[in-house]
């Protein structure tokens, strides 16, 4: 495996495992954030189910690479939406950082899987 592909694989796993961790083990924090953003419980549950599913697809993509492009671009979309939510409520910059890092990593994974790097 070439170096850039290995780095992309590691990025893919970092995003997937981190998102799973936040949505499963830090759910109380998610509840507070979604209330701050003024989003409904239904929206929170849809986003959560989507992110958990995408994380599972990213992990499965280790063995079935055809799943990686869709899951990484979809995860990037959710991370972009998170950035917009942070801007909307005028959160401090430090609150933007995790979703921004995951946005960049997800886009990197997609670009590598498209064969651009």
N, C-alpha and C. Protein backbone atom coordinates (compact mmCIF):
# COMPACT_ATOMS: atom_id res chain seq x y z
N UNK A 1 0.86 -1.18 0.00
CA UNK A 1 0.00 0.00 0.00
C UNK A 1 0.89 1.23 0.00
N UNK A 2 0.59 2.16 -0.90
CA UNK A 2 1.43 3.36 -0.94
C UNK A 2 1.12 4.26 0.25
N UNK A 3 2.05 5.15 0.53
CA UNK A 3 1.99 5.98 1.74
C UNK A 3 0.72 6.83 1.82
N UNK A 4 0.34 7.50 0.74
CA UNK A 4 -0.83 8.38 0.74
C UNK A 4 -2.12 7.58 0.98
N UNK A 5 -2.18 6.37 0.43
CA UNK A 5 -3.36 5.52 0.64
C UNK A 5 -3.43 5.08 2.10
N UNK A 6 -2.30 4.80 2.71
CA UNK A 6 -2.27 4.42 4.12
C UNK A 6 -2.72 5.59 5.00
N UNK A 7 -2.25 6.78 4.69
CA UNK A 7 -2.66 7.97 5.44
C UNK A 7 -4.16 8.20 5.30
N UNK A 8 -4.69 8.01 4.10
CA UNK A 8 -6.13 8.16 3.88
C UNK A 8 -6.92 7.11 4.66
N UNK A 9 -6.42 5.90 4.70
CA UNK A 9 -7.08 4.84 5.46
C UNK A 9 -7.11 5.17 6.95
N UNK A 10 -6.00 5.67 7.47
CA UNK A 10 -5.94 6.07 8.88
C UNK A 10 -6.92 7.22 9.13
N UNK A 11 -6.97 8.20 8.23
CA UNK A 11 -7.91 9.32 8.36
C UNK A 11 -9.35 8.82 8.35
N UNK A 12 -9.63 7.90 7.47
CA UNK A 12 -10.96 7.29 7.35
C UNK A 12 -11.37 6.65 8.69
N UNK A 13 -10.48 5.92 9.29
CA UNK A 13 -10.77 5.26 10.56
C UNK A 13 -10.87 6.25 11.71
N UNK A 14 -10.05 7.27 11.70
CA UNK A 14 -10.12 8.30 12.74
C UNK A 14 -11.48 8.98 12.72
N UNK A 15 -11.94 9.38 11.54
CA UNK A 15 -13.25 10.03 11.42
C UNK A 15 -14.35 9.08 11.89
N UNK A 16 -14.35 7.87 11.38
CA UNK A 16 -15.42 6.91 11.68
C UNK A 16 -15.49 6.59 13.17
N UNK A 17 -14.36 6.27 13.77
CA UNK A 17 -14.35 5.89 15.19
C UNK A 17 -14.68 7.09 16.07
N UNK A 18 -14.17 8.25 15.73
CA UNK A 18 -14.44 9.46 16.52
C UNK A 18 -15.92 9.82 16.49
N UNK A 19 -16.52 9.78 15.32
CA UNK A 19 -17.95 10.11 15.20
C UNK A 19 -18.78 9.09 15.97
N UNK A 20 -18.45 7.82 15.84
CA UNK A 20 -19.16 6.79 16.62
C UNK A 20 -19.04 7.05 18.11
N UNK A 21 -17.85 7.37 18.56
CA UNK A 21 -17.61 7.63 19.97
C UNK A 21 -18.49 8.78 20.48
N UNK A 22 -18.48 9.88 19.73
CA UNK A 22 -19.25 11.06 20.15
C UNK A 22 -20.74 10.74 20.20
N UNK A 23 -21.26 10.10 19.18
CA UNK A 23 -22.71 9.86 19.10
C UNK A 23 -23.18 8.74 20.01
N UNK A 24 -22.29 7.85 20.45
CA UNK A 24 -22.69 6.76 21.33
C UNK A 24 -22.37 7.09 22.80
N UNK A 25 -21.16 7.57 23.07
CA UNK A 25 -20.72 7.74 24.45
C UNK A 25 -20.81 9.17 24.97
N UNK A 26 -21.01 10.13 24.11
CA UNK A 26 -21.12 11.53 24.54
C UNK A 26 -22.45 12.12 24.10
N UNK A 27 -23.47 11.29 24.08
CA UNK A 27 -24.78 11.69 23.57
C UNK A 27 -25.39 12.83 24.39
N UNK A 28 -25.08 12.89 25.69
CA UNK A 28 -25.60 13.99 26.52
C UNK A 28 -25.11 15.34 25.99
N UNK A 29 -23.90 15.36 25.49
CA UNK A 29 -23.33 16.57 24.90
C UNK A 29 -24.06 16.92 23.59
N UNK A 30 -24.40 15.91 22.82
CA UNK A 30 -25.13 16.10 21.56
C UNK A 30 -26.49 16.72 21.85
N UNK A 31 -27.17 16.23 22.87
CA UNK A 31 -28.48 16.76 23.24
C UNK A 31 -28.39 18.26 23.53
N UNK A 32 -27.39 18.66 24.31
CA UNK A 32 -27.21 20.07 24.65
C UNK A 32 -26.93 20.91 23.40
N UNK A 33 -26.05 20.41 22.53
CA UNK A 33 -25.70 21.17 21.33
C UNK A 33 -26.90 21.37 20.41
N UNK A 34 -27.68 20.31 20.20
CA UNK A 34 -28.82 20.44 19.30
C UNK A 34 -29.88 21.38 19.86
N UNK A 35 -30.02 21.43 21.19
CA UNK A 35 -30.93 22.41 21.80
C UNK A 35 -30.40 23.82 21.57
N UNK A 36 -29.10 23.99 21.71
CA UNK A 36 -28.47 25.30 21.48
C UNK A 36 -28.70 25.75 20.04
N UNK A 37 -28.64 24.82 19.10
CA UNK A 37 -28.83 25.15 17.69
C UNK A 37 -30.30 25.36 17.34
N UNK A 38 -31.21 25.01 18.25
CA UNK A 38 -32.63 25.16 17.99
C UNK A 38 -33.19 24.09 17.06
N UNK A 39 -32.53 22.94 17.03
CA UNK A 39 -32.98 21.84 16.17
C UNK A 39 -33.79 20.84 16.99
N UNK A 40 -34.75 20.22 16.35
CA UNK A 40 -35.67 19.30 17.02
C UNK A 40 -35.00 17.98 17.37
N UNK A 41 -35.66 17.25 18.27
CA UNK A 41 -35.19 15.91 18.63
C UNK A 41 -35.21 14.98 17.42
N UNK A 42 -36.21 15.16 16.57
CA UNK A 42 -36.29 14.32 15.36
C UNK A 42 -35.10 14.58 14.44
N UNK A 43 -34.76 15.85 14.26
CA UNK A 43 -33.60 16.19 13.44
C UNK A 43 -32.33 15.62 14.05
N UNK A 44 -32.19 15.74 15.38
CA UNK A 44 -31.03 15.18 16.07
C UNK A 44 -30.93 13.67 15.83
N UNK A 45 -32.06 12.98 15.92
CA UNK A 45 -32.05 11.53 15.73
C UNK A 45 -31.74 11.15 14.29
N UNK A 46 -32.24 11.91 13.34
CA UNK A 46 -31.94 11.65 11.92
C UNK A 46 -30.45 11.84 11.66
N UNK A 47 -29.91 12.96 12.17
CA UNK A 47 -28.48 13.23 11.98
C UNK A 47 -27.66 12.15 12.66
N UNK A 48 -28.04 11.77 13.87
CA UNK A 48 -27.30 10.75 14.60
C UNK A 48 -27.30 9.41 13.90
N UNK A 49 -28.48 8.98 13.46
CA UNK A 49 -28.57 7.70 12.75
C UNK A 49 -27.76 7.74 11.47
N UNK A 50 -27.80 8.88 10.79
CA UNK A 50 -27.04 9.03 9.54
C UNK A 50 -25.54 8.96 9.80
N UNK A 51 -25.08 9.70 10.80
CA UNK A 51 -23.65 9.73 11.09
C UNK A 51 -23.15 8.37 11.58
N UNK A 52 -23.94 7.69 12.39
CA UNK A 52 -23.55 6.36 12.86
C UNK A 52 -23.49 5.39 11.68
N UNK A 53 -24.48 5.47 10.80
CA UNK A 53 -24.49 4.61 9.60
C UNK A 53 -23.30 4.90 8.70
N UNK A 54 -23.01 6.18 8.49
CA UNK A 54 -21.87 6.56 7.65
C UNK A 54 -20.55 6.10 8.27
N UNK A 55 -20.46 6.20 9.60
CA UNK A 55 -19.26 5.70 10.29
C UNK A 55 -19.09 4.21 10.05
N UNK A 56 -20.19 3.47 10.15
CA UNK A 56 -20.13 2.02 9.92
C UNK A 56 -19.71 1.73 8.47
N UNK A 57 -20.22 2.52 7.53
CA UNK A 57 -19.84 2.34 6.13
C UNK A 57 -18.36 2.65 5.92
N UNK A 58 -17.87 3.69 6.61
CA UNK A 58 -16.45 4.03 6.46
C UNK A 58 -15.56 2.91 7.00
N UNK A 59 -15.98 2.31 8.10
CA UNK A 59 -15.20 1.19 8.66
C UNK A 59 -15.30 -0.02 7.73
N UNK A 60 -16.49 -0.29 7.24
CA UNK A 60 -16.67 -1.40 6.30
C UNK A 60 -15.88 -1.16 5.02
N UNK A 61 -15.70 0.11 4.68
CA UNK A 61 -14.94 0.48 3.49
C UNK A 61 -13.49 0.04 3.53
N UNK A 62 -12.99 -0.30 4.70
CA UNK A 62 -11.63 -0.86 4.79
C UNK A 62 -11.57 -2.15 3.99
N UNK A 63 -12.67 -2.92 4.04
CA UNK A 63 -12.73 -4.21 3.35
C UNK A 63 -13.45 -4.14 2.01
N UNK A 64 -14.31 -3.14 1.85
CA UNK A 64 -15.06 -2.92 0.60
C UNK A 64 -14.87 -1.47 0.17
N UNK A 65 -13.77 -1.17 -0.52
CA UNK A 65 -13.41 0.20 -0.86
C UNK A 65 -14.47 0.97 -1.65
N UNK A 66 -15.37 0.28 -2.30
CA UNK A 66 -16.42 0.95 -3.05
C UNK A 66 -17.36 1.77 -2.18
N UNK A 67 -17.35 1.55 -0.88
CA UNK A 67 -18.23 2.28 0.04
C UNK A 67 -17.62 3.59 0.52
N UNK A 68 -16.33 3.76 0.30
CA UNK A 68 -15.61 4.86 0.93
C UNK A 68 -15.96 6.23 0.33
N UNK A 69 -16.07 6.33 -0.96
CA UNK A 69 -16.33 7.63 -1.58
C UNK A 69 -17.66 8.21 -1.11
N UNK A 70 -18.72 7.42 -1.21
CA UNK A 70 -20.04 7.90 -0.77
C UNK A 70 -20.04 8.27 0.71
N UNK A 71 -19.50 7.38 1.54
CA UNK A 71 -19.55 7.63 2.98
C UNK A 71 -18.69 8.82 3.39
N UNK A 72 -17.53 8.98 2.78
CA UNK A 72 -16.66 10.11 3.15
C UNK A 72 -17.24 11.44 2.66
N UNK A 73 -17.81 11.47 1.46
CA UNK A 73 -18.43 12.72 0.98
C UNK A 73 -19.69 13.06 1.79
N UNK A 74 -20.45 12.05 2.15
CA UNK A 74 -21.64 12.28 2.97
C UNK A 74 -21.25 12.78 4.36
N UNK A 75 -20.21 12.20 4.92
CA UNK A 75 -19.75 12.65 6.24
C UNK A 75 -19.23 14.08 6.14
N UNK A 76 -18.55 14.40 5.06
CA UNK A 76 -18.08 15.78 4.86
C UNK A 76 -19.27 16.74 4.81
N UNK A 77 -20.35 16.35 4.16
CA UNK A 77 -21.55 17.17 4.11
C UNK A 77 -22.08 17.45 5.52
N UNK A 78 -22.15 16.42 6.35
CA UNK A 78 -22.64 16.61 7.72
C UNK A 78 -21.69 17.50 8.53
N UNK A 79 -20.41 17.39 8.28
CA UNK A 79 -19.45 18.24 9.00
C UNK A 79 -19.54 19.69 8.52
N UNK A 80 -19.84 19.89 7.25
CA UNK A 80 -20.08 21.24 6.75
C UNK A 80 -21.33 21.83 7.41
N UNK A 81 -22.37 21.03 7.54
CA UNK A 81 -23.59 21.47 8.22
C UNK A 81 -23.31 21.83 9.67
N UNK A 82 -22.42 21.07 10.32
CA UNK A 82 -22.04 21.38 11.69
C UNK A 82 -21.33 22.72 11.77
N UNK A 83 -20.48 23.00 10.79
CA UNK A 83 -19.81 24.30 10.74
C UNK A 83 -20.84 25.44 10.64
N UNK A 84 -21.82 25.25 9.79
CA UNK A 84 -22.87 26.26 9.61
C UNK A 84 -23.64 26.46 10.91
N UNK A 85 -23.94 25.36 11.61
CA UNK A 85 -24.65 25.45 12.89
C UNK A 85 -23.83 26.23 13.91
N UNK A 86 -22.53 25.99 13.97
CA UNK A 86 -21.66 26.71 14.89
C UNK A 86 -21.63 28.20 14.56
N UNK A 87 -21.60 28.52 13.28
CA UNK A 87 -21.61 29.92 12.86
C UNK A 87 -22.93 30.59 13.27
N UNK A 88 -24.01 29.88 13.04
CA UNK A 88 -25.35 30.41 13.32
C UNK A 88 -25.51 30.83 14.78
N UNK A 89 -24.99 30.00 15.71
CA UNK A 89 -25.14 30.32 17.13
C UNK A 89 -23.92 31.07 17.69
N UNK A 90 -22.98 31.41 16.82
CA UNK A 90 -21.80 32.20 17.19
C UNK A 90 -20.98 31.55 18.31
N UNK A 91 -20.74 30.27 18.14
CA UNK A 91 -19.90 29.54 19.09
C UNK A 91 -18.47 30.05 19.02
N UNK A 92 -17.71 29.86 20.11
CA UNK A 92 -16.28 30.19 20.05
C UNK A 92 -15.56 29.27 19.06
N UNK A 93 -14.45 29.74 18.55
CA UNK A 93 -13.70 29.04 17.50
C UNK A 93 -13.37 27.61 17.89
N UNK A 94 -13.07 27.38 19.16
CA UNK A 94 -12.66 26.04 19.61
C UNK A 94 -13.77 25.01 19.39
N UNK A 95 -15.02 25.45 19.40
CA UNK A 95 -16.15 24.54 19.16
C UNK A 95 -16.22 24.12 17.69
N UNK A 96 -15.70 24.95 16.79
CA UNK A 96 -15.68 24.66 15.36
C UNK A 96 -14.65 23.60 15.01
N UNK A 97 -13.61 23.51 15.81
CA UNK A 97 -12.43 22.74 15.45
C UNK A 97 -12.67 21.26 15.16
N UNK A 98 -13.36 20.50 16.03
CA UNK A 98 -13.52 19.07 15.73
C UNK A 98 -14.23 18.81 14.40
N UNK A 99 -15.36 19.46 14.16
CA UNK A 99 -16.08 19.21 12.91
C UNK A 99 -15.29 19.73 11.71
N UNK A 100 -14.50 20.78 11.90
CA UNK A 100 -13.66 21.28 10.80
C UNK A 100 -12.57 20.26 10.45
N UNK A 101 -11.94 19.70 11.47
CA UNK A 101 -10.90 18.68 11.23
C UNK A 101 -11.51 17.47 10.53
N UNK A 102 -12.69 17.03 10.99
CA UNK A 102 -13.33 15.87 10.36
C UNK A 102 -13.80 16.19 8.94
N UNK A 103 -14.19 17.43 8.69
CA UNK A 103 -14.54 17.86 7.33
C UNK A 103 -13.33 17.72 6.41
N UNK A 104 -12.20 18.25 6.84
CA UNK A 104 -10.97 18.19 6.04
C UNK A 104 -10.53 16.73 5.84
N UNK A 105 -10.56 15.94 6.90
CA UNK A 105 -10.15 14.54 6.78
C UNK A 105 -11.09 13.76 5.85
N UNK A 106 -12.39 14.01 5.95
CA UNK A 106 -13.35 13.32 5.08
C UNK A 106 -13.13 13.69 3.62
N UNK A 107 -12.88 14.97 3.36
CA UNK A 107 -12.60 15.40 1.98
C UNK A 107 -11.29 14.80 1.47
N UNK A 108 -10.30 14.72 2.33
CA UNK A 108 -9.03 14.10 1.97
C UNK A 108 -9.23 12.64 1.57
N UNK A 109 -10.00 11.91 2.38
CA UNK A 109 -10.29 10.50 2.08
C UNK A 109 -10.99 10.39 0.74
N UNK A 110 -11.95 11.26 0.47
CA UNK A 110 -12.68 11.22 -0.81
C UNK A 110 -11.74 11.51 -1.98
N UNK A 111 -10.90 12.51 -1.83
CA UNK A 111 -9.98 12.89 -2.92
C UNK A 111 -9.01 11.74 -3.22
N UNK A 112 -8.50 11.10 -2.18
CA UNK A 112 -7.59 9.97 -2.39
C UNK A 112 -8.33 8.82 -3.08
N UNK A 113 -9.56 8.58 -2.66
CA UNK A 113 -10.34 7.48 -3.25
C UNK A 113 -10.78 7.78 -4.67
N UNK A 114 -10.82 9.03 -5.04
CA UNK A 114 -11.09 9.40 -6.43
C UNK A 114 -9.84 9.27 -7.31
N UNK A 115 -8.69 9.08 -6.65
CA UNK A 115 -7.45 8.90 -7.39
C UNK A 115 -6.73 10.19 -7.73
N UNK A 116 -7.14 11.30 -7.08
CA UNK A 116 -6.50 12.59 -7.36
C UNK A 116 -5.17 12.76 -6.64
N UNK A 117 -4.94 11.98 -5.59
CA UNK A 117 -3.66 12.06 -4.88
C UNK A 117 -3.01 10.68 -4.83
